[in-house]
Structures are given as structure tokens and as C-alpha cells.
Amino acid sequence: MRRLGLLHPIVLNTRFELIAGARRLTAAQKLGWKEIPCRVLDTLDDAVAALQTERDENTCREPWALDELVEVGRRIEKLEKPNSDRRKKAGRGTEPSGKFPDGSTGDTRDKVGSALGMSGKTYEKGKKVSEAAEKEPEKYGDLPALANSESIDAAYKELKRRQKQSTSPPPPPVPPLVIHTPDAPAPATSRADDLRALADALLVLAAFDEQLQRFRHLKELAADHPIGAQSGLYGAPGAAFSPGTT
């Protein structure tokens, strides 16, 4: 059987679950190889030491993406589960806290981070970003790419910002703009009354104009016929005519 000639074999736990080497395993499968060397580790410390050695010696490997980091970290954490279960039975502290994931200790977190080439705190941040993207991809699905292109810390800060924004109460609704205008005073008279008063005024003016025209006509006649004016033909002798006299 042909064997894969690599400096570092793939890493398995005692349940033969792949801890590291997914790319190497995929390459061997594509080549049709039936057997490849592997390293089986049964403790957390062994897994950490193996991955640290591989990381330190392999300077040409493409950096892990966030989902790869978290997946490897989860598999390494499984190696600590038997010890965690024993501590729980013995009544020793593995209580969750704000700093550590449920069911784990700070020591486990820091060892996993060390195996992955980062601090335990950074690993914990990356794990939370990855879990948020898995649970709510519509909200946080772009954050793993941000972690890969910038940093895990930048993606974690953006995660916290969005989570805070989603839990903040919405701003109060803006009340509609209302413009108050004073009511127009009610008219003292109706339009019909105004029209009737105008008609009456026009009639009075028409009658006055008719009388004025008549006065002017009689005055002209008196000037043309002084004898008739003296005899009272155009009114009483010597009487002065004024508008309104019939």
C-alpha cells in the first residue's frame, strides 16, 4: 500500500474522530490512497503538544479559517470531557461562568487556544462568532468571513454590537405633525342678505340718478325759456328745484 509522505500524519482521538488533517485526508482520498499514517491521541495534553509541534514546524500551511479553528477546537475539547465528567462526580468546580463556556474550565480553553496558536480568550471569541453564525445565519452569517479577512477580535466586536442593537428597545414613534389653525369667525349675515342689501343700495342710486337727470333737464329748459320759468311752468315761480322733487 502506498503511504502519504508528509512530515505530520493526521491526528485522531481514541474514538477515531479526526482532530487535525482534514485537508491531508481529502488529498489522499482524491489520490485513491487506501492507507495513510495517523497519530492517535487519548489526552488533551497529547493533542495540544502534537498540534503545537505541527504548527511550529509547518511554515507553508495555509492559515486555518475560523470554522476550521473552531471545529478542531471542539474536537480537542472532547478529549477533556472524561476528565471533566470525573471532576463533576467528585464535586469539583466546573461550573459555567461568564468567562468560560458551559461545562469547561479556563485551563481547557487556554490549552485549546495554545494548540491553535492563539490565546484561550481569542479562541473563545472565535467560537462564539462561529456559533452565532450557525444559529442565526441571516443575522451573523457574514461574521466568519470578517474574522478571516480582518481578525477574530473585529468579528467578535461586531457580533456584540449587533446583539446589543437587537436587544435595545426601539425608539418611540414620532407623533404625526399637527398644525392648529384658529377657526374662521362665522359671518354676521348670510350671503343672501348681503346680496339683497347691495340690490337695495343699487336701486336707491338708480332712483337718485334718475332724479338728478330730471333736475338737469328742467334746469336747461328754464335757462332756454326764462318766461316759462317765471310763470311757474317748470315749477313754482322762484322756487328752487332740488333732486327728489317730482
Protein backbone atom coordinates (compact mmCIF):
# COMPACT_ATOMS: atom_id res chain seq x y z
CA MET A 1 0.00 0.00 0.00
CA ARG A 2 1.18 3.49 -0.78
CA ARG A 3 1.59 5.85 2.11
CA LEU A 4 1.25 9.61 2.26
CA GLY A 5 4.74 11.03 2.68
CA LEU A 6 4.09 14.00 4.94
CA LEU A 7 6.03 15.29 7.88
CA HIS A 8 2.91 15.25 10.05
CA PRO A 9 0.29 12.47 9.91
CA ILE A 10 -3.33 13.21 10.54
CA VAL A 11 -4.42 13.32 14.18
CA LEU A 12 -7.24 11.18 15.62
CA ASN A 13 -8.66 10.69 19.09
CA THR A 14 -9.30 7.29 20.65
CA ARG A 15 -12.77 7.22 19.04
CA PHE A 16 -11.02 7.62 15.68
CA GLU A 17 -12.53 11.06 15.17
CA LEU A 18 -10.41 13.40 13.08
CA ILE A 19 -8.85 16.17 15.14
CA ALA A 20 -6.48 17.65 12.56
CA GLY A 21 -5.53 16.88 8.97
CA ALA A 22 -8.80 17.24 7.04
CA ARG A 23 -7.01 18.66 4.02
CA ARG A 24 -4.38 15.92 4.05
CA LEU A 25 -7.09 13.28 4.35
CA THR A 26 -9.07 14.79 1.47
CA ALA A 27 -5.95 14.90 -0.73
CA ALA A 28 -5.19 11.23 -0.01
CA GLN A 29 -8.76 10.24 -0.85
CA LYS A 30 -8.61 12.10 -4.15
CA LEU A 31 -5.38 10.30 -4.96
CA GLY A 32 -7.07 6.98 -4.26
CA TRP A 33 -4.71 6.01 -1.44
CA LYS A 34 -6.03 3.36 0.87
CA GLU A 35 -3.71 3.86 3.83
CA ILE A 36 -2.07 6.90 5.38
CA PRO A 37 -0.18 7.34 8.64
CA CYS A 38 -2.09 8.74 11.60
CA ARG A 39 -1.43 9.67 15.18
CA VAL A 40 -3.95 8.59 17.82
CA LEU A 41 -4.07 10.76 20.94
CA ASP A 42 -6.00 9.98 24.07
CA THR A 43 -5.45 13.05 26.24
CA LEU A 44 -5.89 16.77 25.90
CA ASP A 45 -2.25 17.43 26.65
CA ASP A 46 -1.12 14.99 23.94
CA ALA A 47 -3.37 16.67 21.37
CA VAL A 48 -2.12 20.11 22.31
CA ALA A 49 1.51 19.03 22.10
CA ALA A 50 1.01 17.36 18.71
CA LEU A 51 -0.75 20.34 17.19
CA GLN A 52 1.80 22.78 18.59
CA THR A 53 4.65 20.75 17.08
CA GLU A 54 2.91 20.60 13.72
CA ARG A 55 2.13 24.31 13.79
CA ASP A 56 5.67 25.30 14.72
CA GLU A 57 7.32 23.15 12.04
CA ASN A 58 4.89 23.74 9.21
CA THR A 59 5.53 27.26 7.90
CA CYS A 60 3.94 26.71 4.49
CA ARG A 61 0.48 25.65 5.62
CA GLU A 62 -2.41 27.89 4.66
CA PRO A 63 -3.83 29.55 7.79
CA TRP A 64 -6.94 27.95 9.21
CA ALA A 65 -10.24 29.64 8.56
CA LEU A 66 -12.44 30.38 11.58
CA ASP A 67 -14.76 27.42 11.02
CA GLU A 68 -11.72 25.11 10.84
CA LEU A 69 -10.26 26.55 14.01
CA VAL A 70 -13.48 26.11 15.91
CA GLU A 71 -14.07 22.60 14.60
CA VAL A 72 -10.57 21.49 15.63
CA GLY A 73 -11.02 23.19 18.99
CA ARG A 74 -14.26 21.33 19.63
CA ARG A 75 -12.65 18.02 18.86
CA ILE A 76 -9.77 18.76 21.19
CA GLU A 77 -12.23 19.73 23.92
CA LYS A 78 -13.82 16.29 23.63
CA LEU A 79 -10.54 14.80 24.86
CA GLU A 80 -11.06 16.67 28.11
CA LYS A 81 -14.66 15.50 28.57
CA PRO A 82 -13.82 12.29 30.52
CA ASN A 83 -11.70 14.31 32.96
CA SER A 84 -14.48 16.89 33.25
CA ASP A 85 -17.02 14.18 34.00
CA ARG A 86 -14.76 12.77 36.70
CA ARG A 87 -14.38 16.18 38.29
CA LYS A 88 -18.14 16.64 38.29
CA LYS A 89 -18.63 13.33 40.04
CA ALA A 90 -16.00 14.30 42.56
CA GLY A 91 -17.80 17.60 43.16
CA ARG A 92 -15.02 19.83 41.95
CA GLY A 93 -15.68 23.05 40.14
CA THR A 94 -16.63 23.00 36.53
CA GLU A 95 -19.49 25.45 36.93
CA PRO A 96 -20.10 27.73 33.94
CA SER A 97 -19.12 31.35 34.31
CA GLY A 98 -19.13 34.46 32.22
CA LYS A 99 -15.53 33.83 31.13
CA PHE A 100 -15.67 30.14 30.24
CA PRO A 101 -18.02 28.04 28.07
CA ASP A 102 -20.54 25.79 29.77
CA GLY A 103 -19.02 22.58 31.11
CA SER A 104 -15.40 23.58 30.55
CA THR A 105 -12.66 25.20 32.56
CA GLY A 106 -10.33 28.06 31.84
CA ASP A 107 -7.46 25.57 31.72
CA THR A 108 -9.12 23.64 28.88
CA ARG A 109 -9.89 26.82 26.99
CA ASP A 110 -6.32 28.06 27.27
CA LYS A 111 -4.85 24.71 26.21
CA VAL A 112 -7.07 24.57 23.15
CA GLY A 113 -6.14 28.14 22.24
CA SER A 114 -2.46 27.32 22.64
CA ALA A 115 -2.80 24.33 20.32
CA LEU A 116 -4.43 26.57 17.72
CA GLY A 117 -1.79 29.29 18.04
CA MET A 118 -3.83 31.89 19.94
CA SER A 119 -4.88 32.78 23.43
CA GLY A 120 -7.72 30.94 25.09
CA LYS A 121 -9.73 34.17 25.18
CA THR A 122 -9.35 34.67 21.42
CA TYR A 123 -10.41 31.08 20.80
CA GLU A 124 -13.48 31.63 22.97
CA LYS A 125 -14.39 34.75 20.97
CA GLY A 126 -13.99 32.89 17.67
CA LYS A 127 -16.13 30.06 18.99
CA LYS A 128 -18.93 32.45 19.90
CA VAL A 129 -18.78 34.12 16.49
CA SER A 130 -18.94 30.73 14.75
CA GLU A 131 -21.84 29.52 16.91
CA ALA A 132 -23.82 32.71 16.31
CA ALA A 133 -23.33 32.36 12.54
CA GLU A 134 -24.52 28.74 12.69
CA LYS A 135 -27.63 29.51 14.76
CA GLU A 136 -28.70 32.72 13.01
CA PRO A 137 -27.03 32.89 9.58
CA GLU A 138 -29.34 35.66 8.39
CA LYS A 139 -28.01 37.94 11.15
CA TYR A 140 -24.43 36.81 11.67
CA GLY A 141 -23.55 34.62 8.67
CA ASP A 142 -21.04 37.16 7.35
CA LEU A 143 -19.01 37.40 10.55
CA PRO A 144 -16.75 34.34 9.97
CA ALA A 145 -15.57 35.95 6.73
CA LEU A 146 -14.84 39.13 8.68
CA ALA A 147 -12.79 37.09 11.15
CA ASN A 148 -10.81 35.54 8.28
CA SER A 149 -10.16 38.82 6.46
CA GLU A 150 -9.51 41.06 9.48
CA SER A 151 -9.36 39.37 12.87
CA ILE A 152 -11.37 37.29 15.31
CA ASP A 153 -11.48 40.26 17.66
CA ALA A 154 -13.02 42.50 14.98
CA ALA A 155 -15.69 39.90 14.21
CA TYR A 156 -16.44 39.44 17.92
CA LYS A 157 -16.85 43.19 18.46
CA GLU A 158 -19.26 43.35 15.51
CA LEU A 159 -21.18 40.39 16.95
CA LYS A 160 -21.58 42.15 20.31
CA ARG A 161 -22.64 45.37 18.58
CA ARG A 162 -25.36 43.61 16.60
CA GLN A 163 -26.57 41.66 19.62
CA LYS A 164 -26.83 44.84 21.66
CA GLN A 165 -28.64 46.57 18.82
CA SER A 166 -31.18 43.73 18.50
CA THR A 167 -31.95 43.80 22.25
CA SER A 168 -32.23 47.58 22.55
CA PRO A 169 -35.82 48.89 22.75
CA PRO A 170 -36.98 50.52 19.54
CA PRO A 171 -37.13 54.31 19.57
CA PRO A 172 -40.55 55.77 20.42
CA PRO A 173 -42.69 56.51 17.40
CA VAL A 174 -42.62 60.08 16.17
CA PRO A 175 -46.07 61.67 16.66
CA PRO A 176 -47.68 62.99 13.49
CA LEU A 177 -47.29 66.69 12.83
CA VAL A 178 -50.49 68.55 13.73
CA ILE A 179 -50.97 72.21 12.71
CA HIS A 180 -53.63 74.09 14.68
CA THR A 181 -55.32 76.99 12.89
CA PRO A 182 -57.88 79.31 14.50
CA ASP A 183 -61.43 78.83 13.35
CA ALA A 184 -62.68 81.50 10.97
CA PRO A 185 -65.34 83.71 12.57
CA ALA A 186 -68.87 82.95 11.48
CA PRO A 187 -70.28 85.64 9.12
CA ALA A 188 -72.67 88.11 10.79
CA THR A 189 -75.03 87.89 7.84
CA SER A 190 -75.57 85.35 5.15
CA ARG A 191 -74.52 85.87 1.57
CA ALA A 192 -78.16 86.19 0.54
CA ASP A 193 -78.63 89.06 2.99
CA ASP A 194 -75.56 90.80 1.60
CA LEU A 195 -76.86 90.48 -1.96
CA ARG A 196 -80.25 91.88 -1.02
CA ALA A 197 -78.65 94.87 0.74
CA LEU A 198 -76.48 95.51 -2.34
CA ALA A 199 -79.52 95.35 -4.62
CA ASP A 200 -81.39 97.85 -2.44
CA ALA A 201 -78.42 100.22 -2.50
CA LEU A 202 -78.23 99.98 -6.29
CA LEU A 203 -81.96 100.77 -6.55
CA VAL A 204 -81.52 103.85 -4.39
CA LEU A 205 -78.60 105.02 -6.51
CA ALA A 206 -80.61 104.41 -9.69
CA ALA A 207 -83.54 106.45 -8.38
CA PHE A 208 -81.23 109.26 -7.30
CA ASP A 209 -79.55 109.27 -10.73
CA GLU A 210 -82.96 109.46 -12.43
CA GLN A 211 -83.99 112.46 -10.30
CA LEU A 212 -80.64 114.14 -10.95
CA GLN A 213 -81.04 113.73 -14.68
CA ARG A 214 -84.57 115.19 -14.48
CA PHE A 215 -83.31 118.18 -12.48
CA ARG A 216 -80.63 118.91 -15.03
CA HIS A 217 -83.19 118.70 -17.85
CA LEU A 218 -85.58 121.16 -16.15
CA LYS A 219 -82.71 123.49 -15.39
CA GLU A 220 -81.77 123.53 -19.04
CA LEU A 221 -85.38 124.24 -20.04
CA ALA A 222 -85.59 127.14 -17.57
CA ALA A 223 -82.42 128.61 -18.97
CA ASP A 224 -83.76 128.40 -22.52
CA HIS A 225 -87.26 129.74 -21.60
CA PRO A 226 -86.95 132.25 -18.77
CA ILE A 227 -90.59 133.40 -19.23
CA GLY A 228 -91.91 129.90 -18.63
CA ALA A 229 -89.75 129.57 -15.56
CA GLN A 230 -91.13 132.86 -14.17
CA SER A 231 -94.73 131.82 -14.84
CA GLY A 232 -94.26 128.54 -12.94
CA LEU A 233 -94.40 126.33 -15.98
CA TYR A 234 -91.36 124.41 -14.70
CA GLY A 235 -92.29 124.68 -11.06
CA ALA A 236 -93.41 127.36 -8.61
CA PRO A 237 -92.22 130.88 -9.59
CA GLY A 238 -88.88 131.49 -7.90
CA ALA A 239 -88.80 128.03 -6.29
CA ALA A 240 -85.52 126.26 -6.38
CA PHE A 241 -85.65 122.68 -7.69
CA SER A 242 -83.78 120.03 -5.85
CA PRO A 243 -83.34 116.35 -6.61
CA GLY A 244 -86.20 114.30 -5.28
CA THR A 245 -88.87 116.92 -6.24
CA THR A 246 -91.47 115.41 -8.56
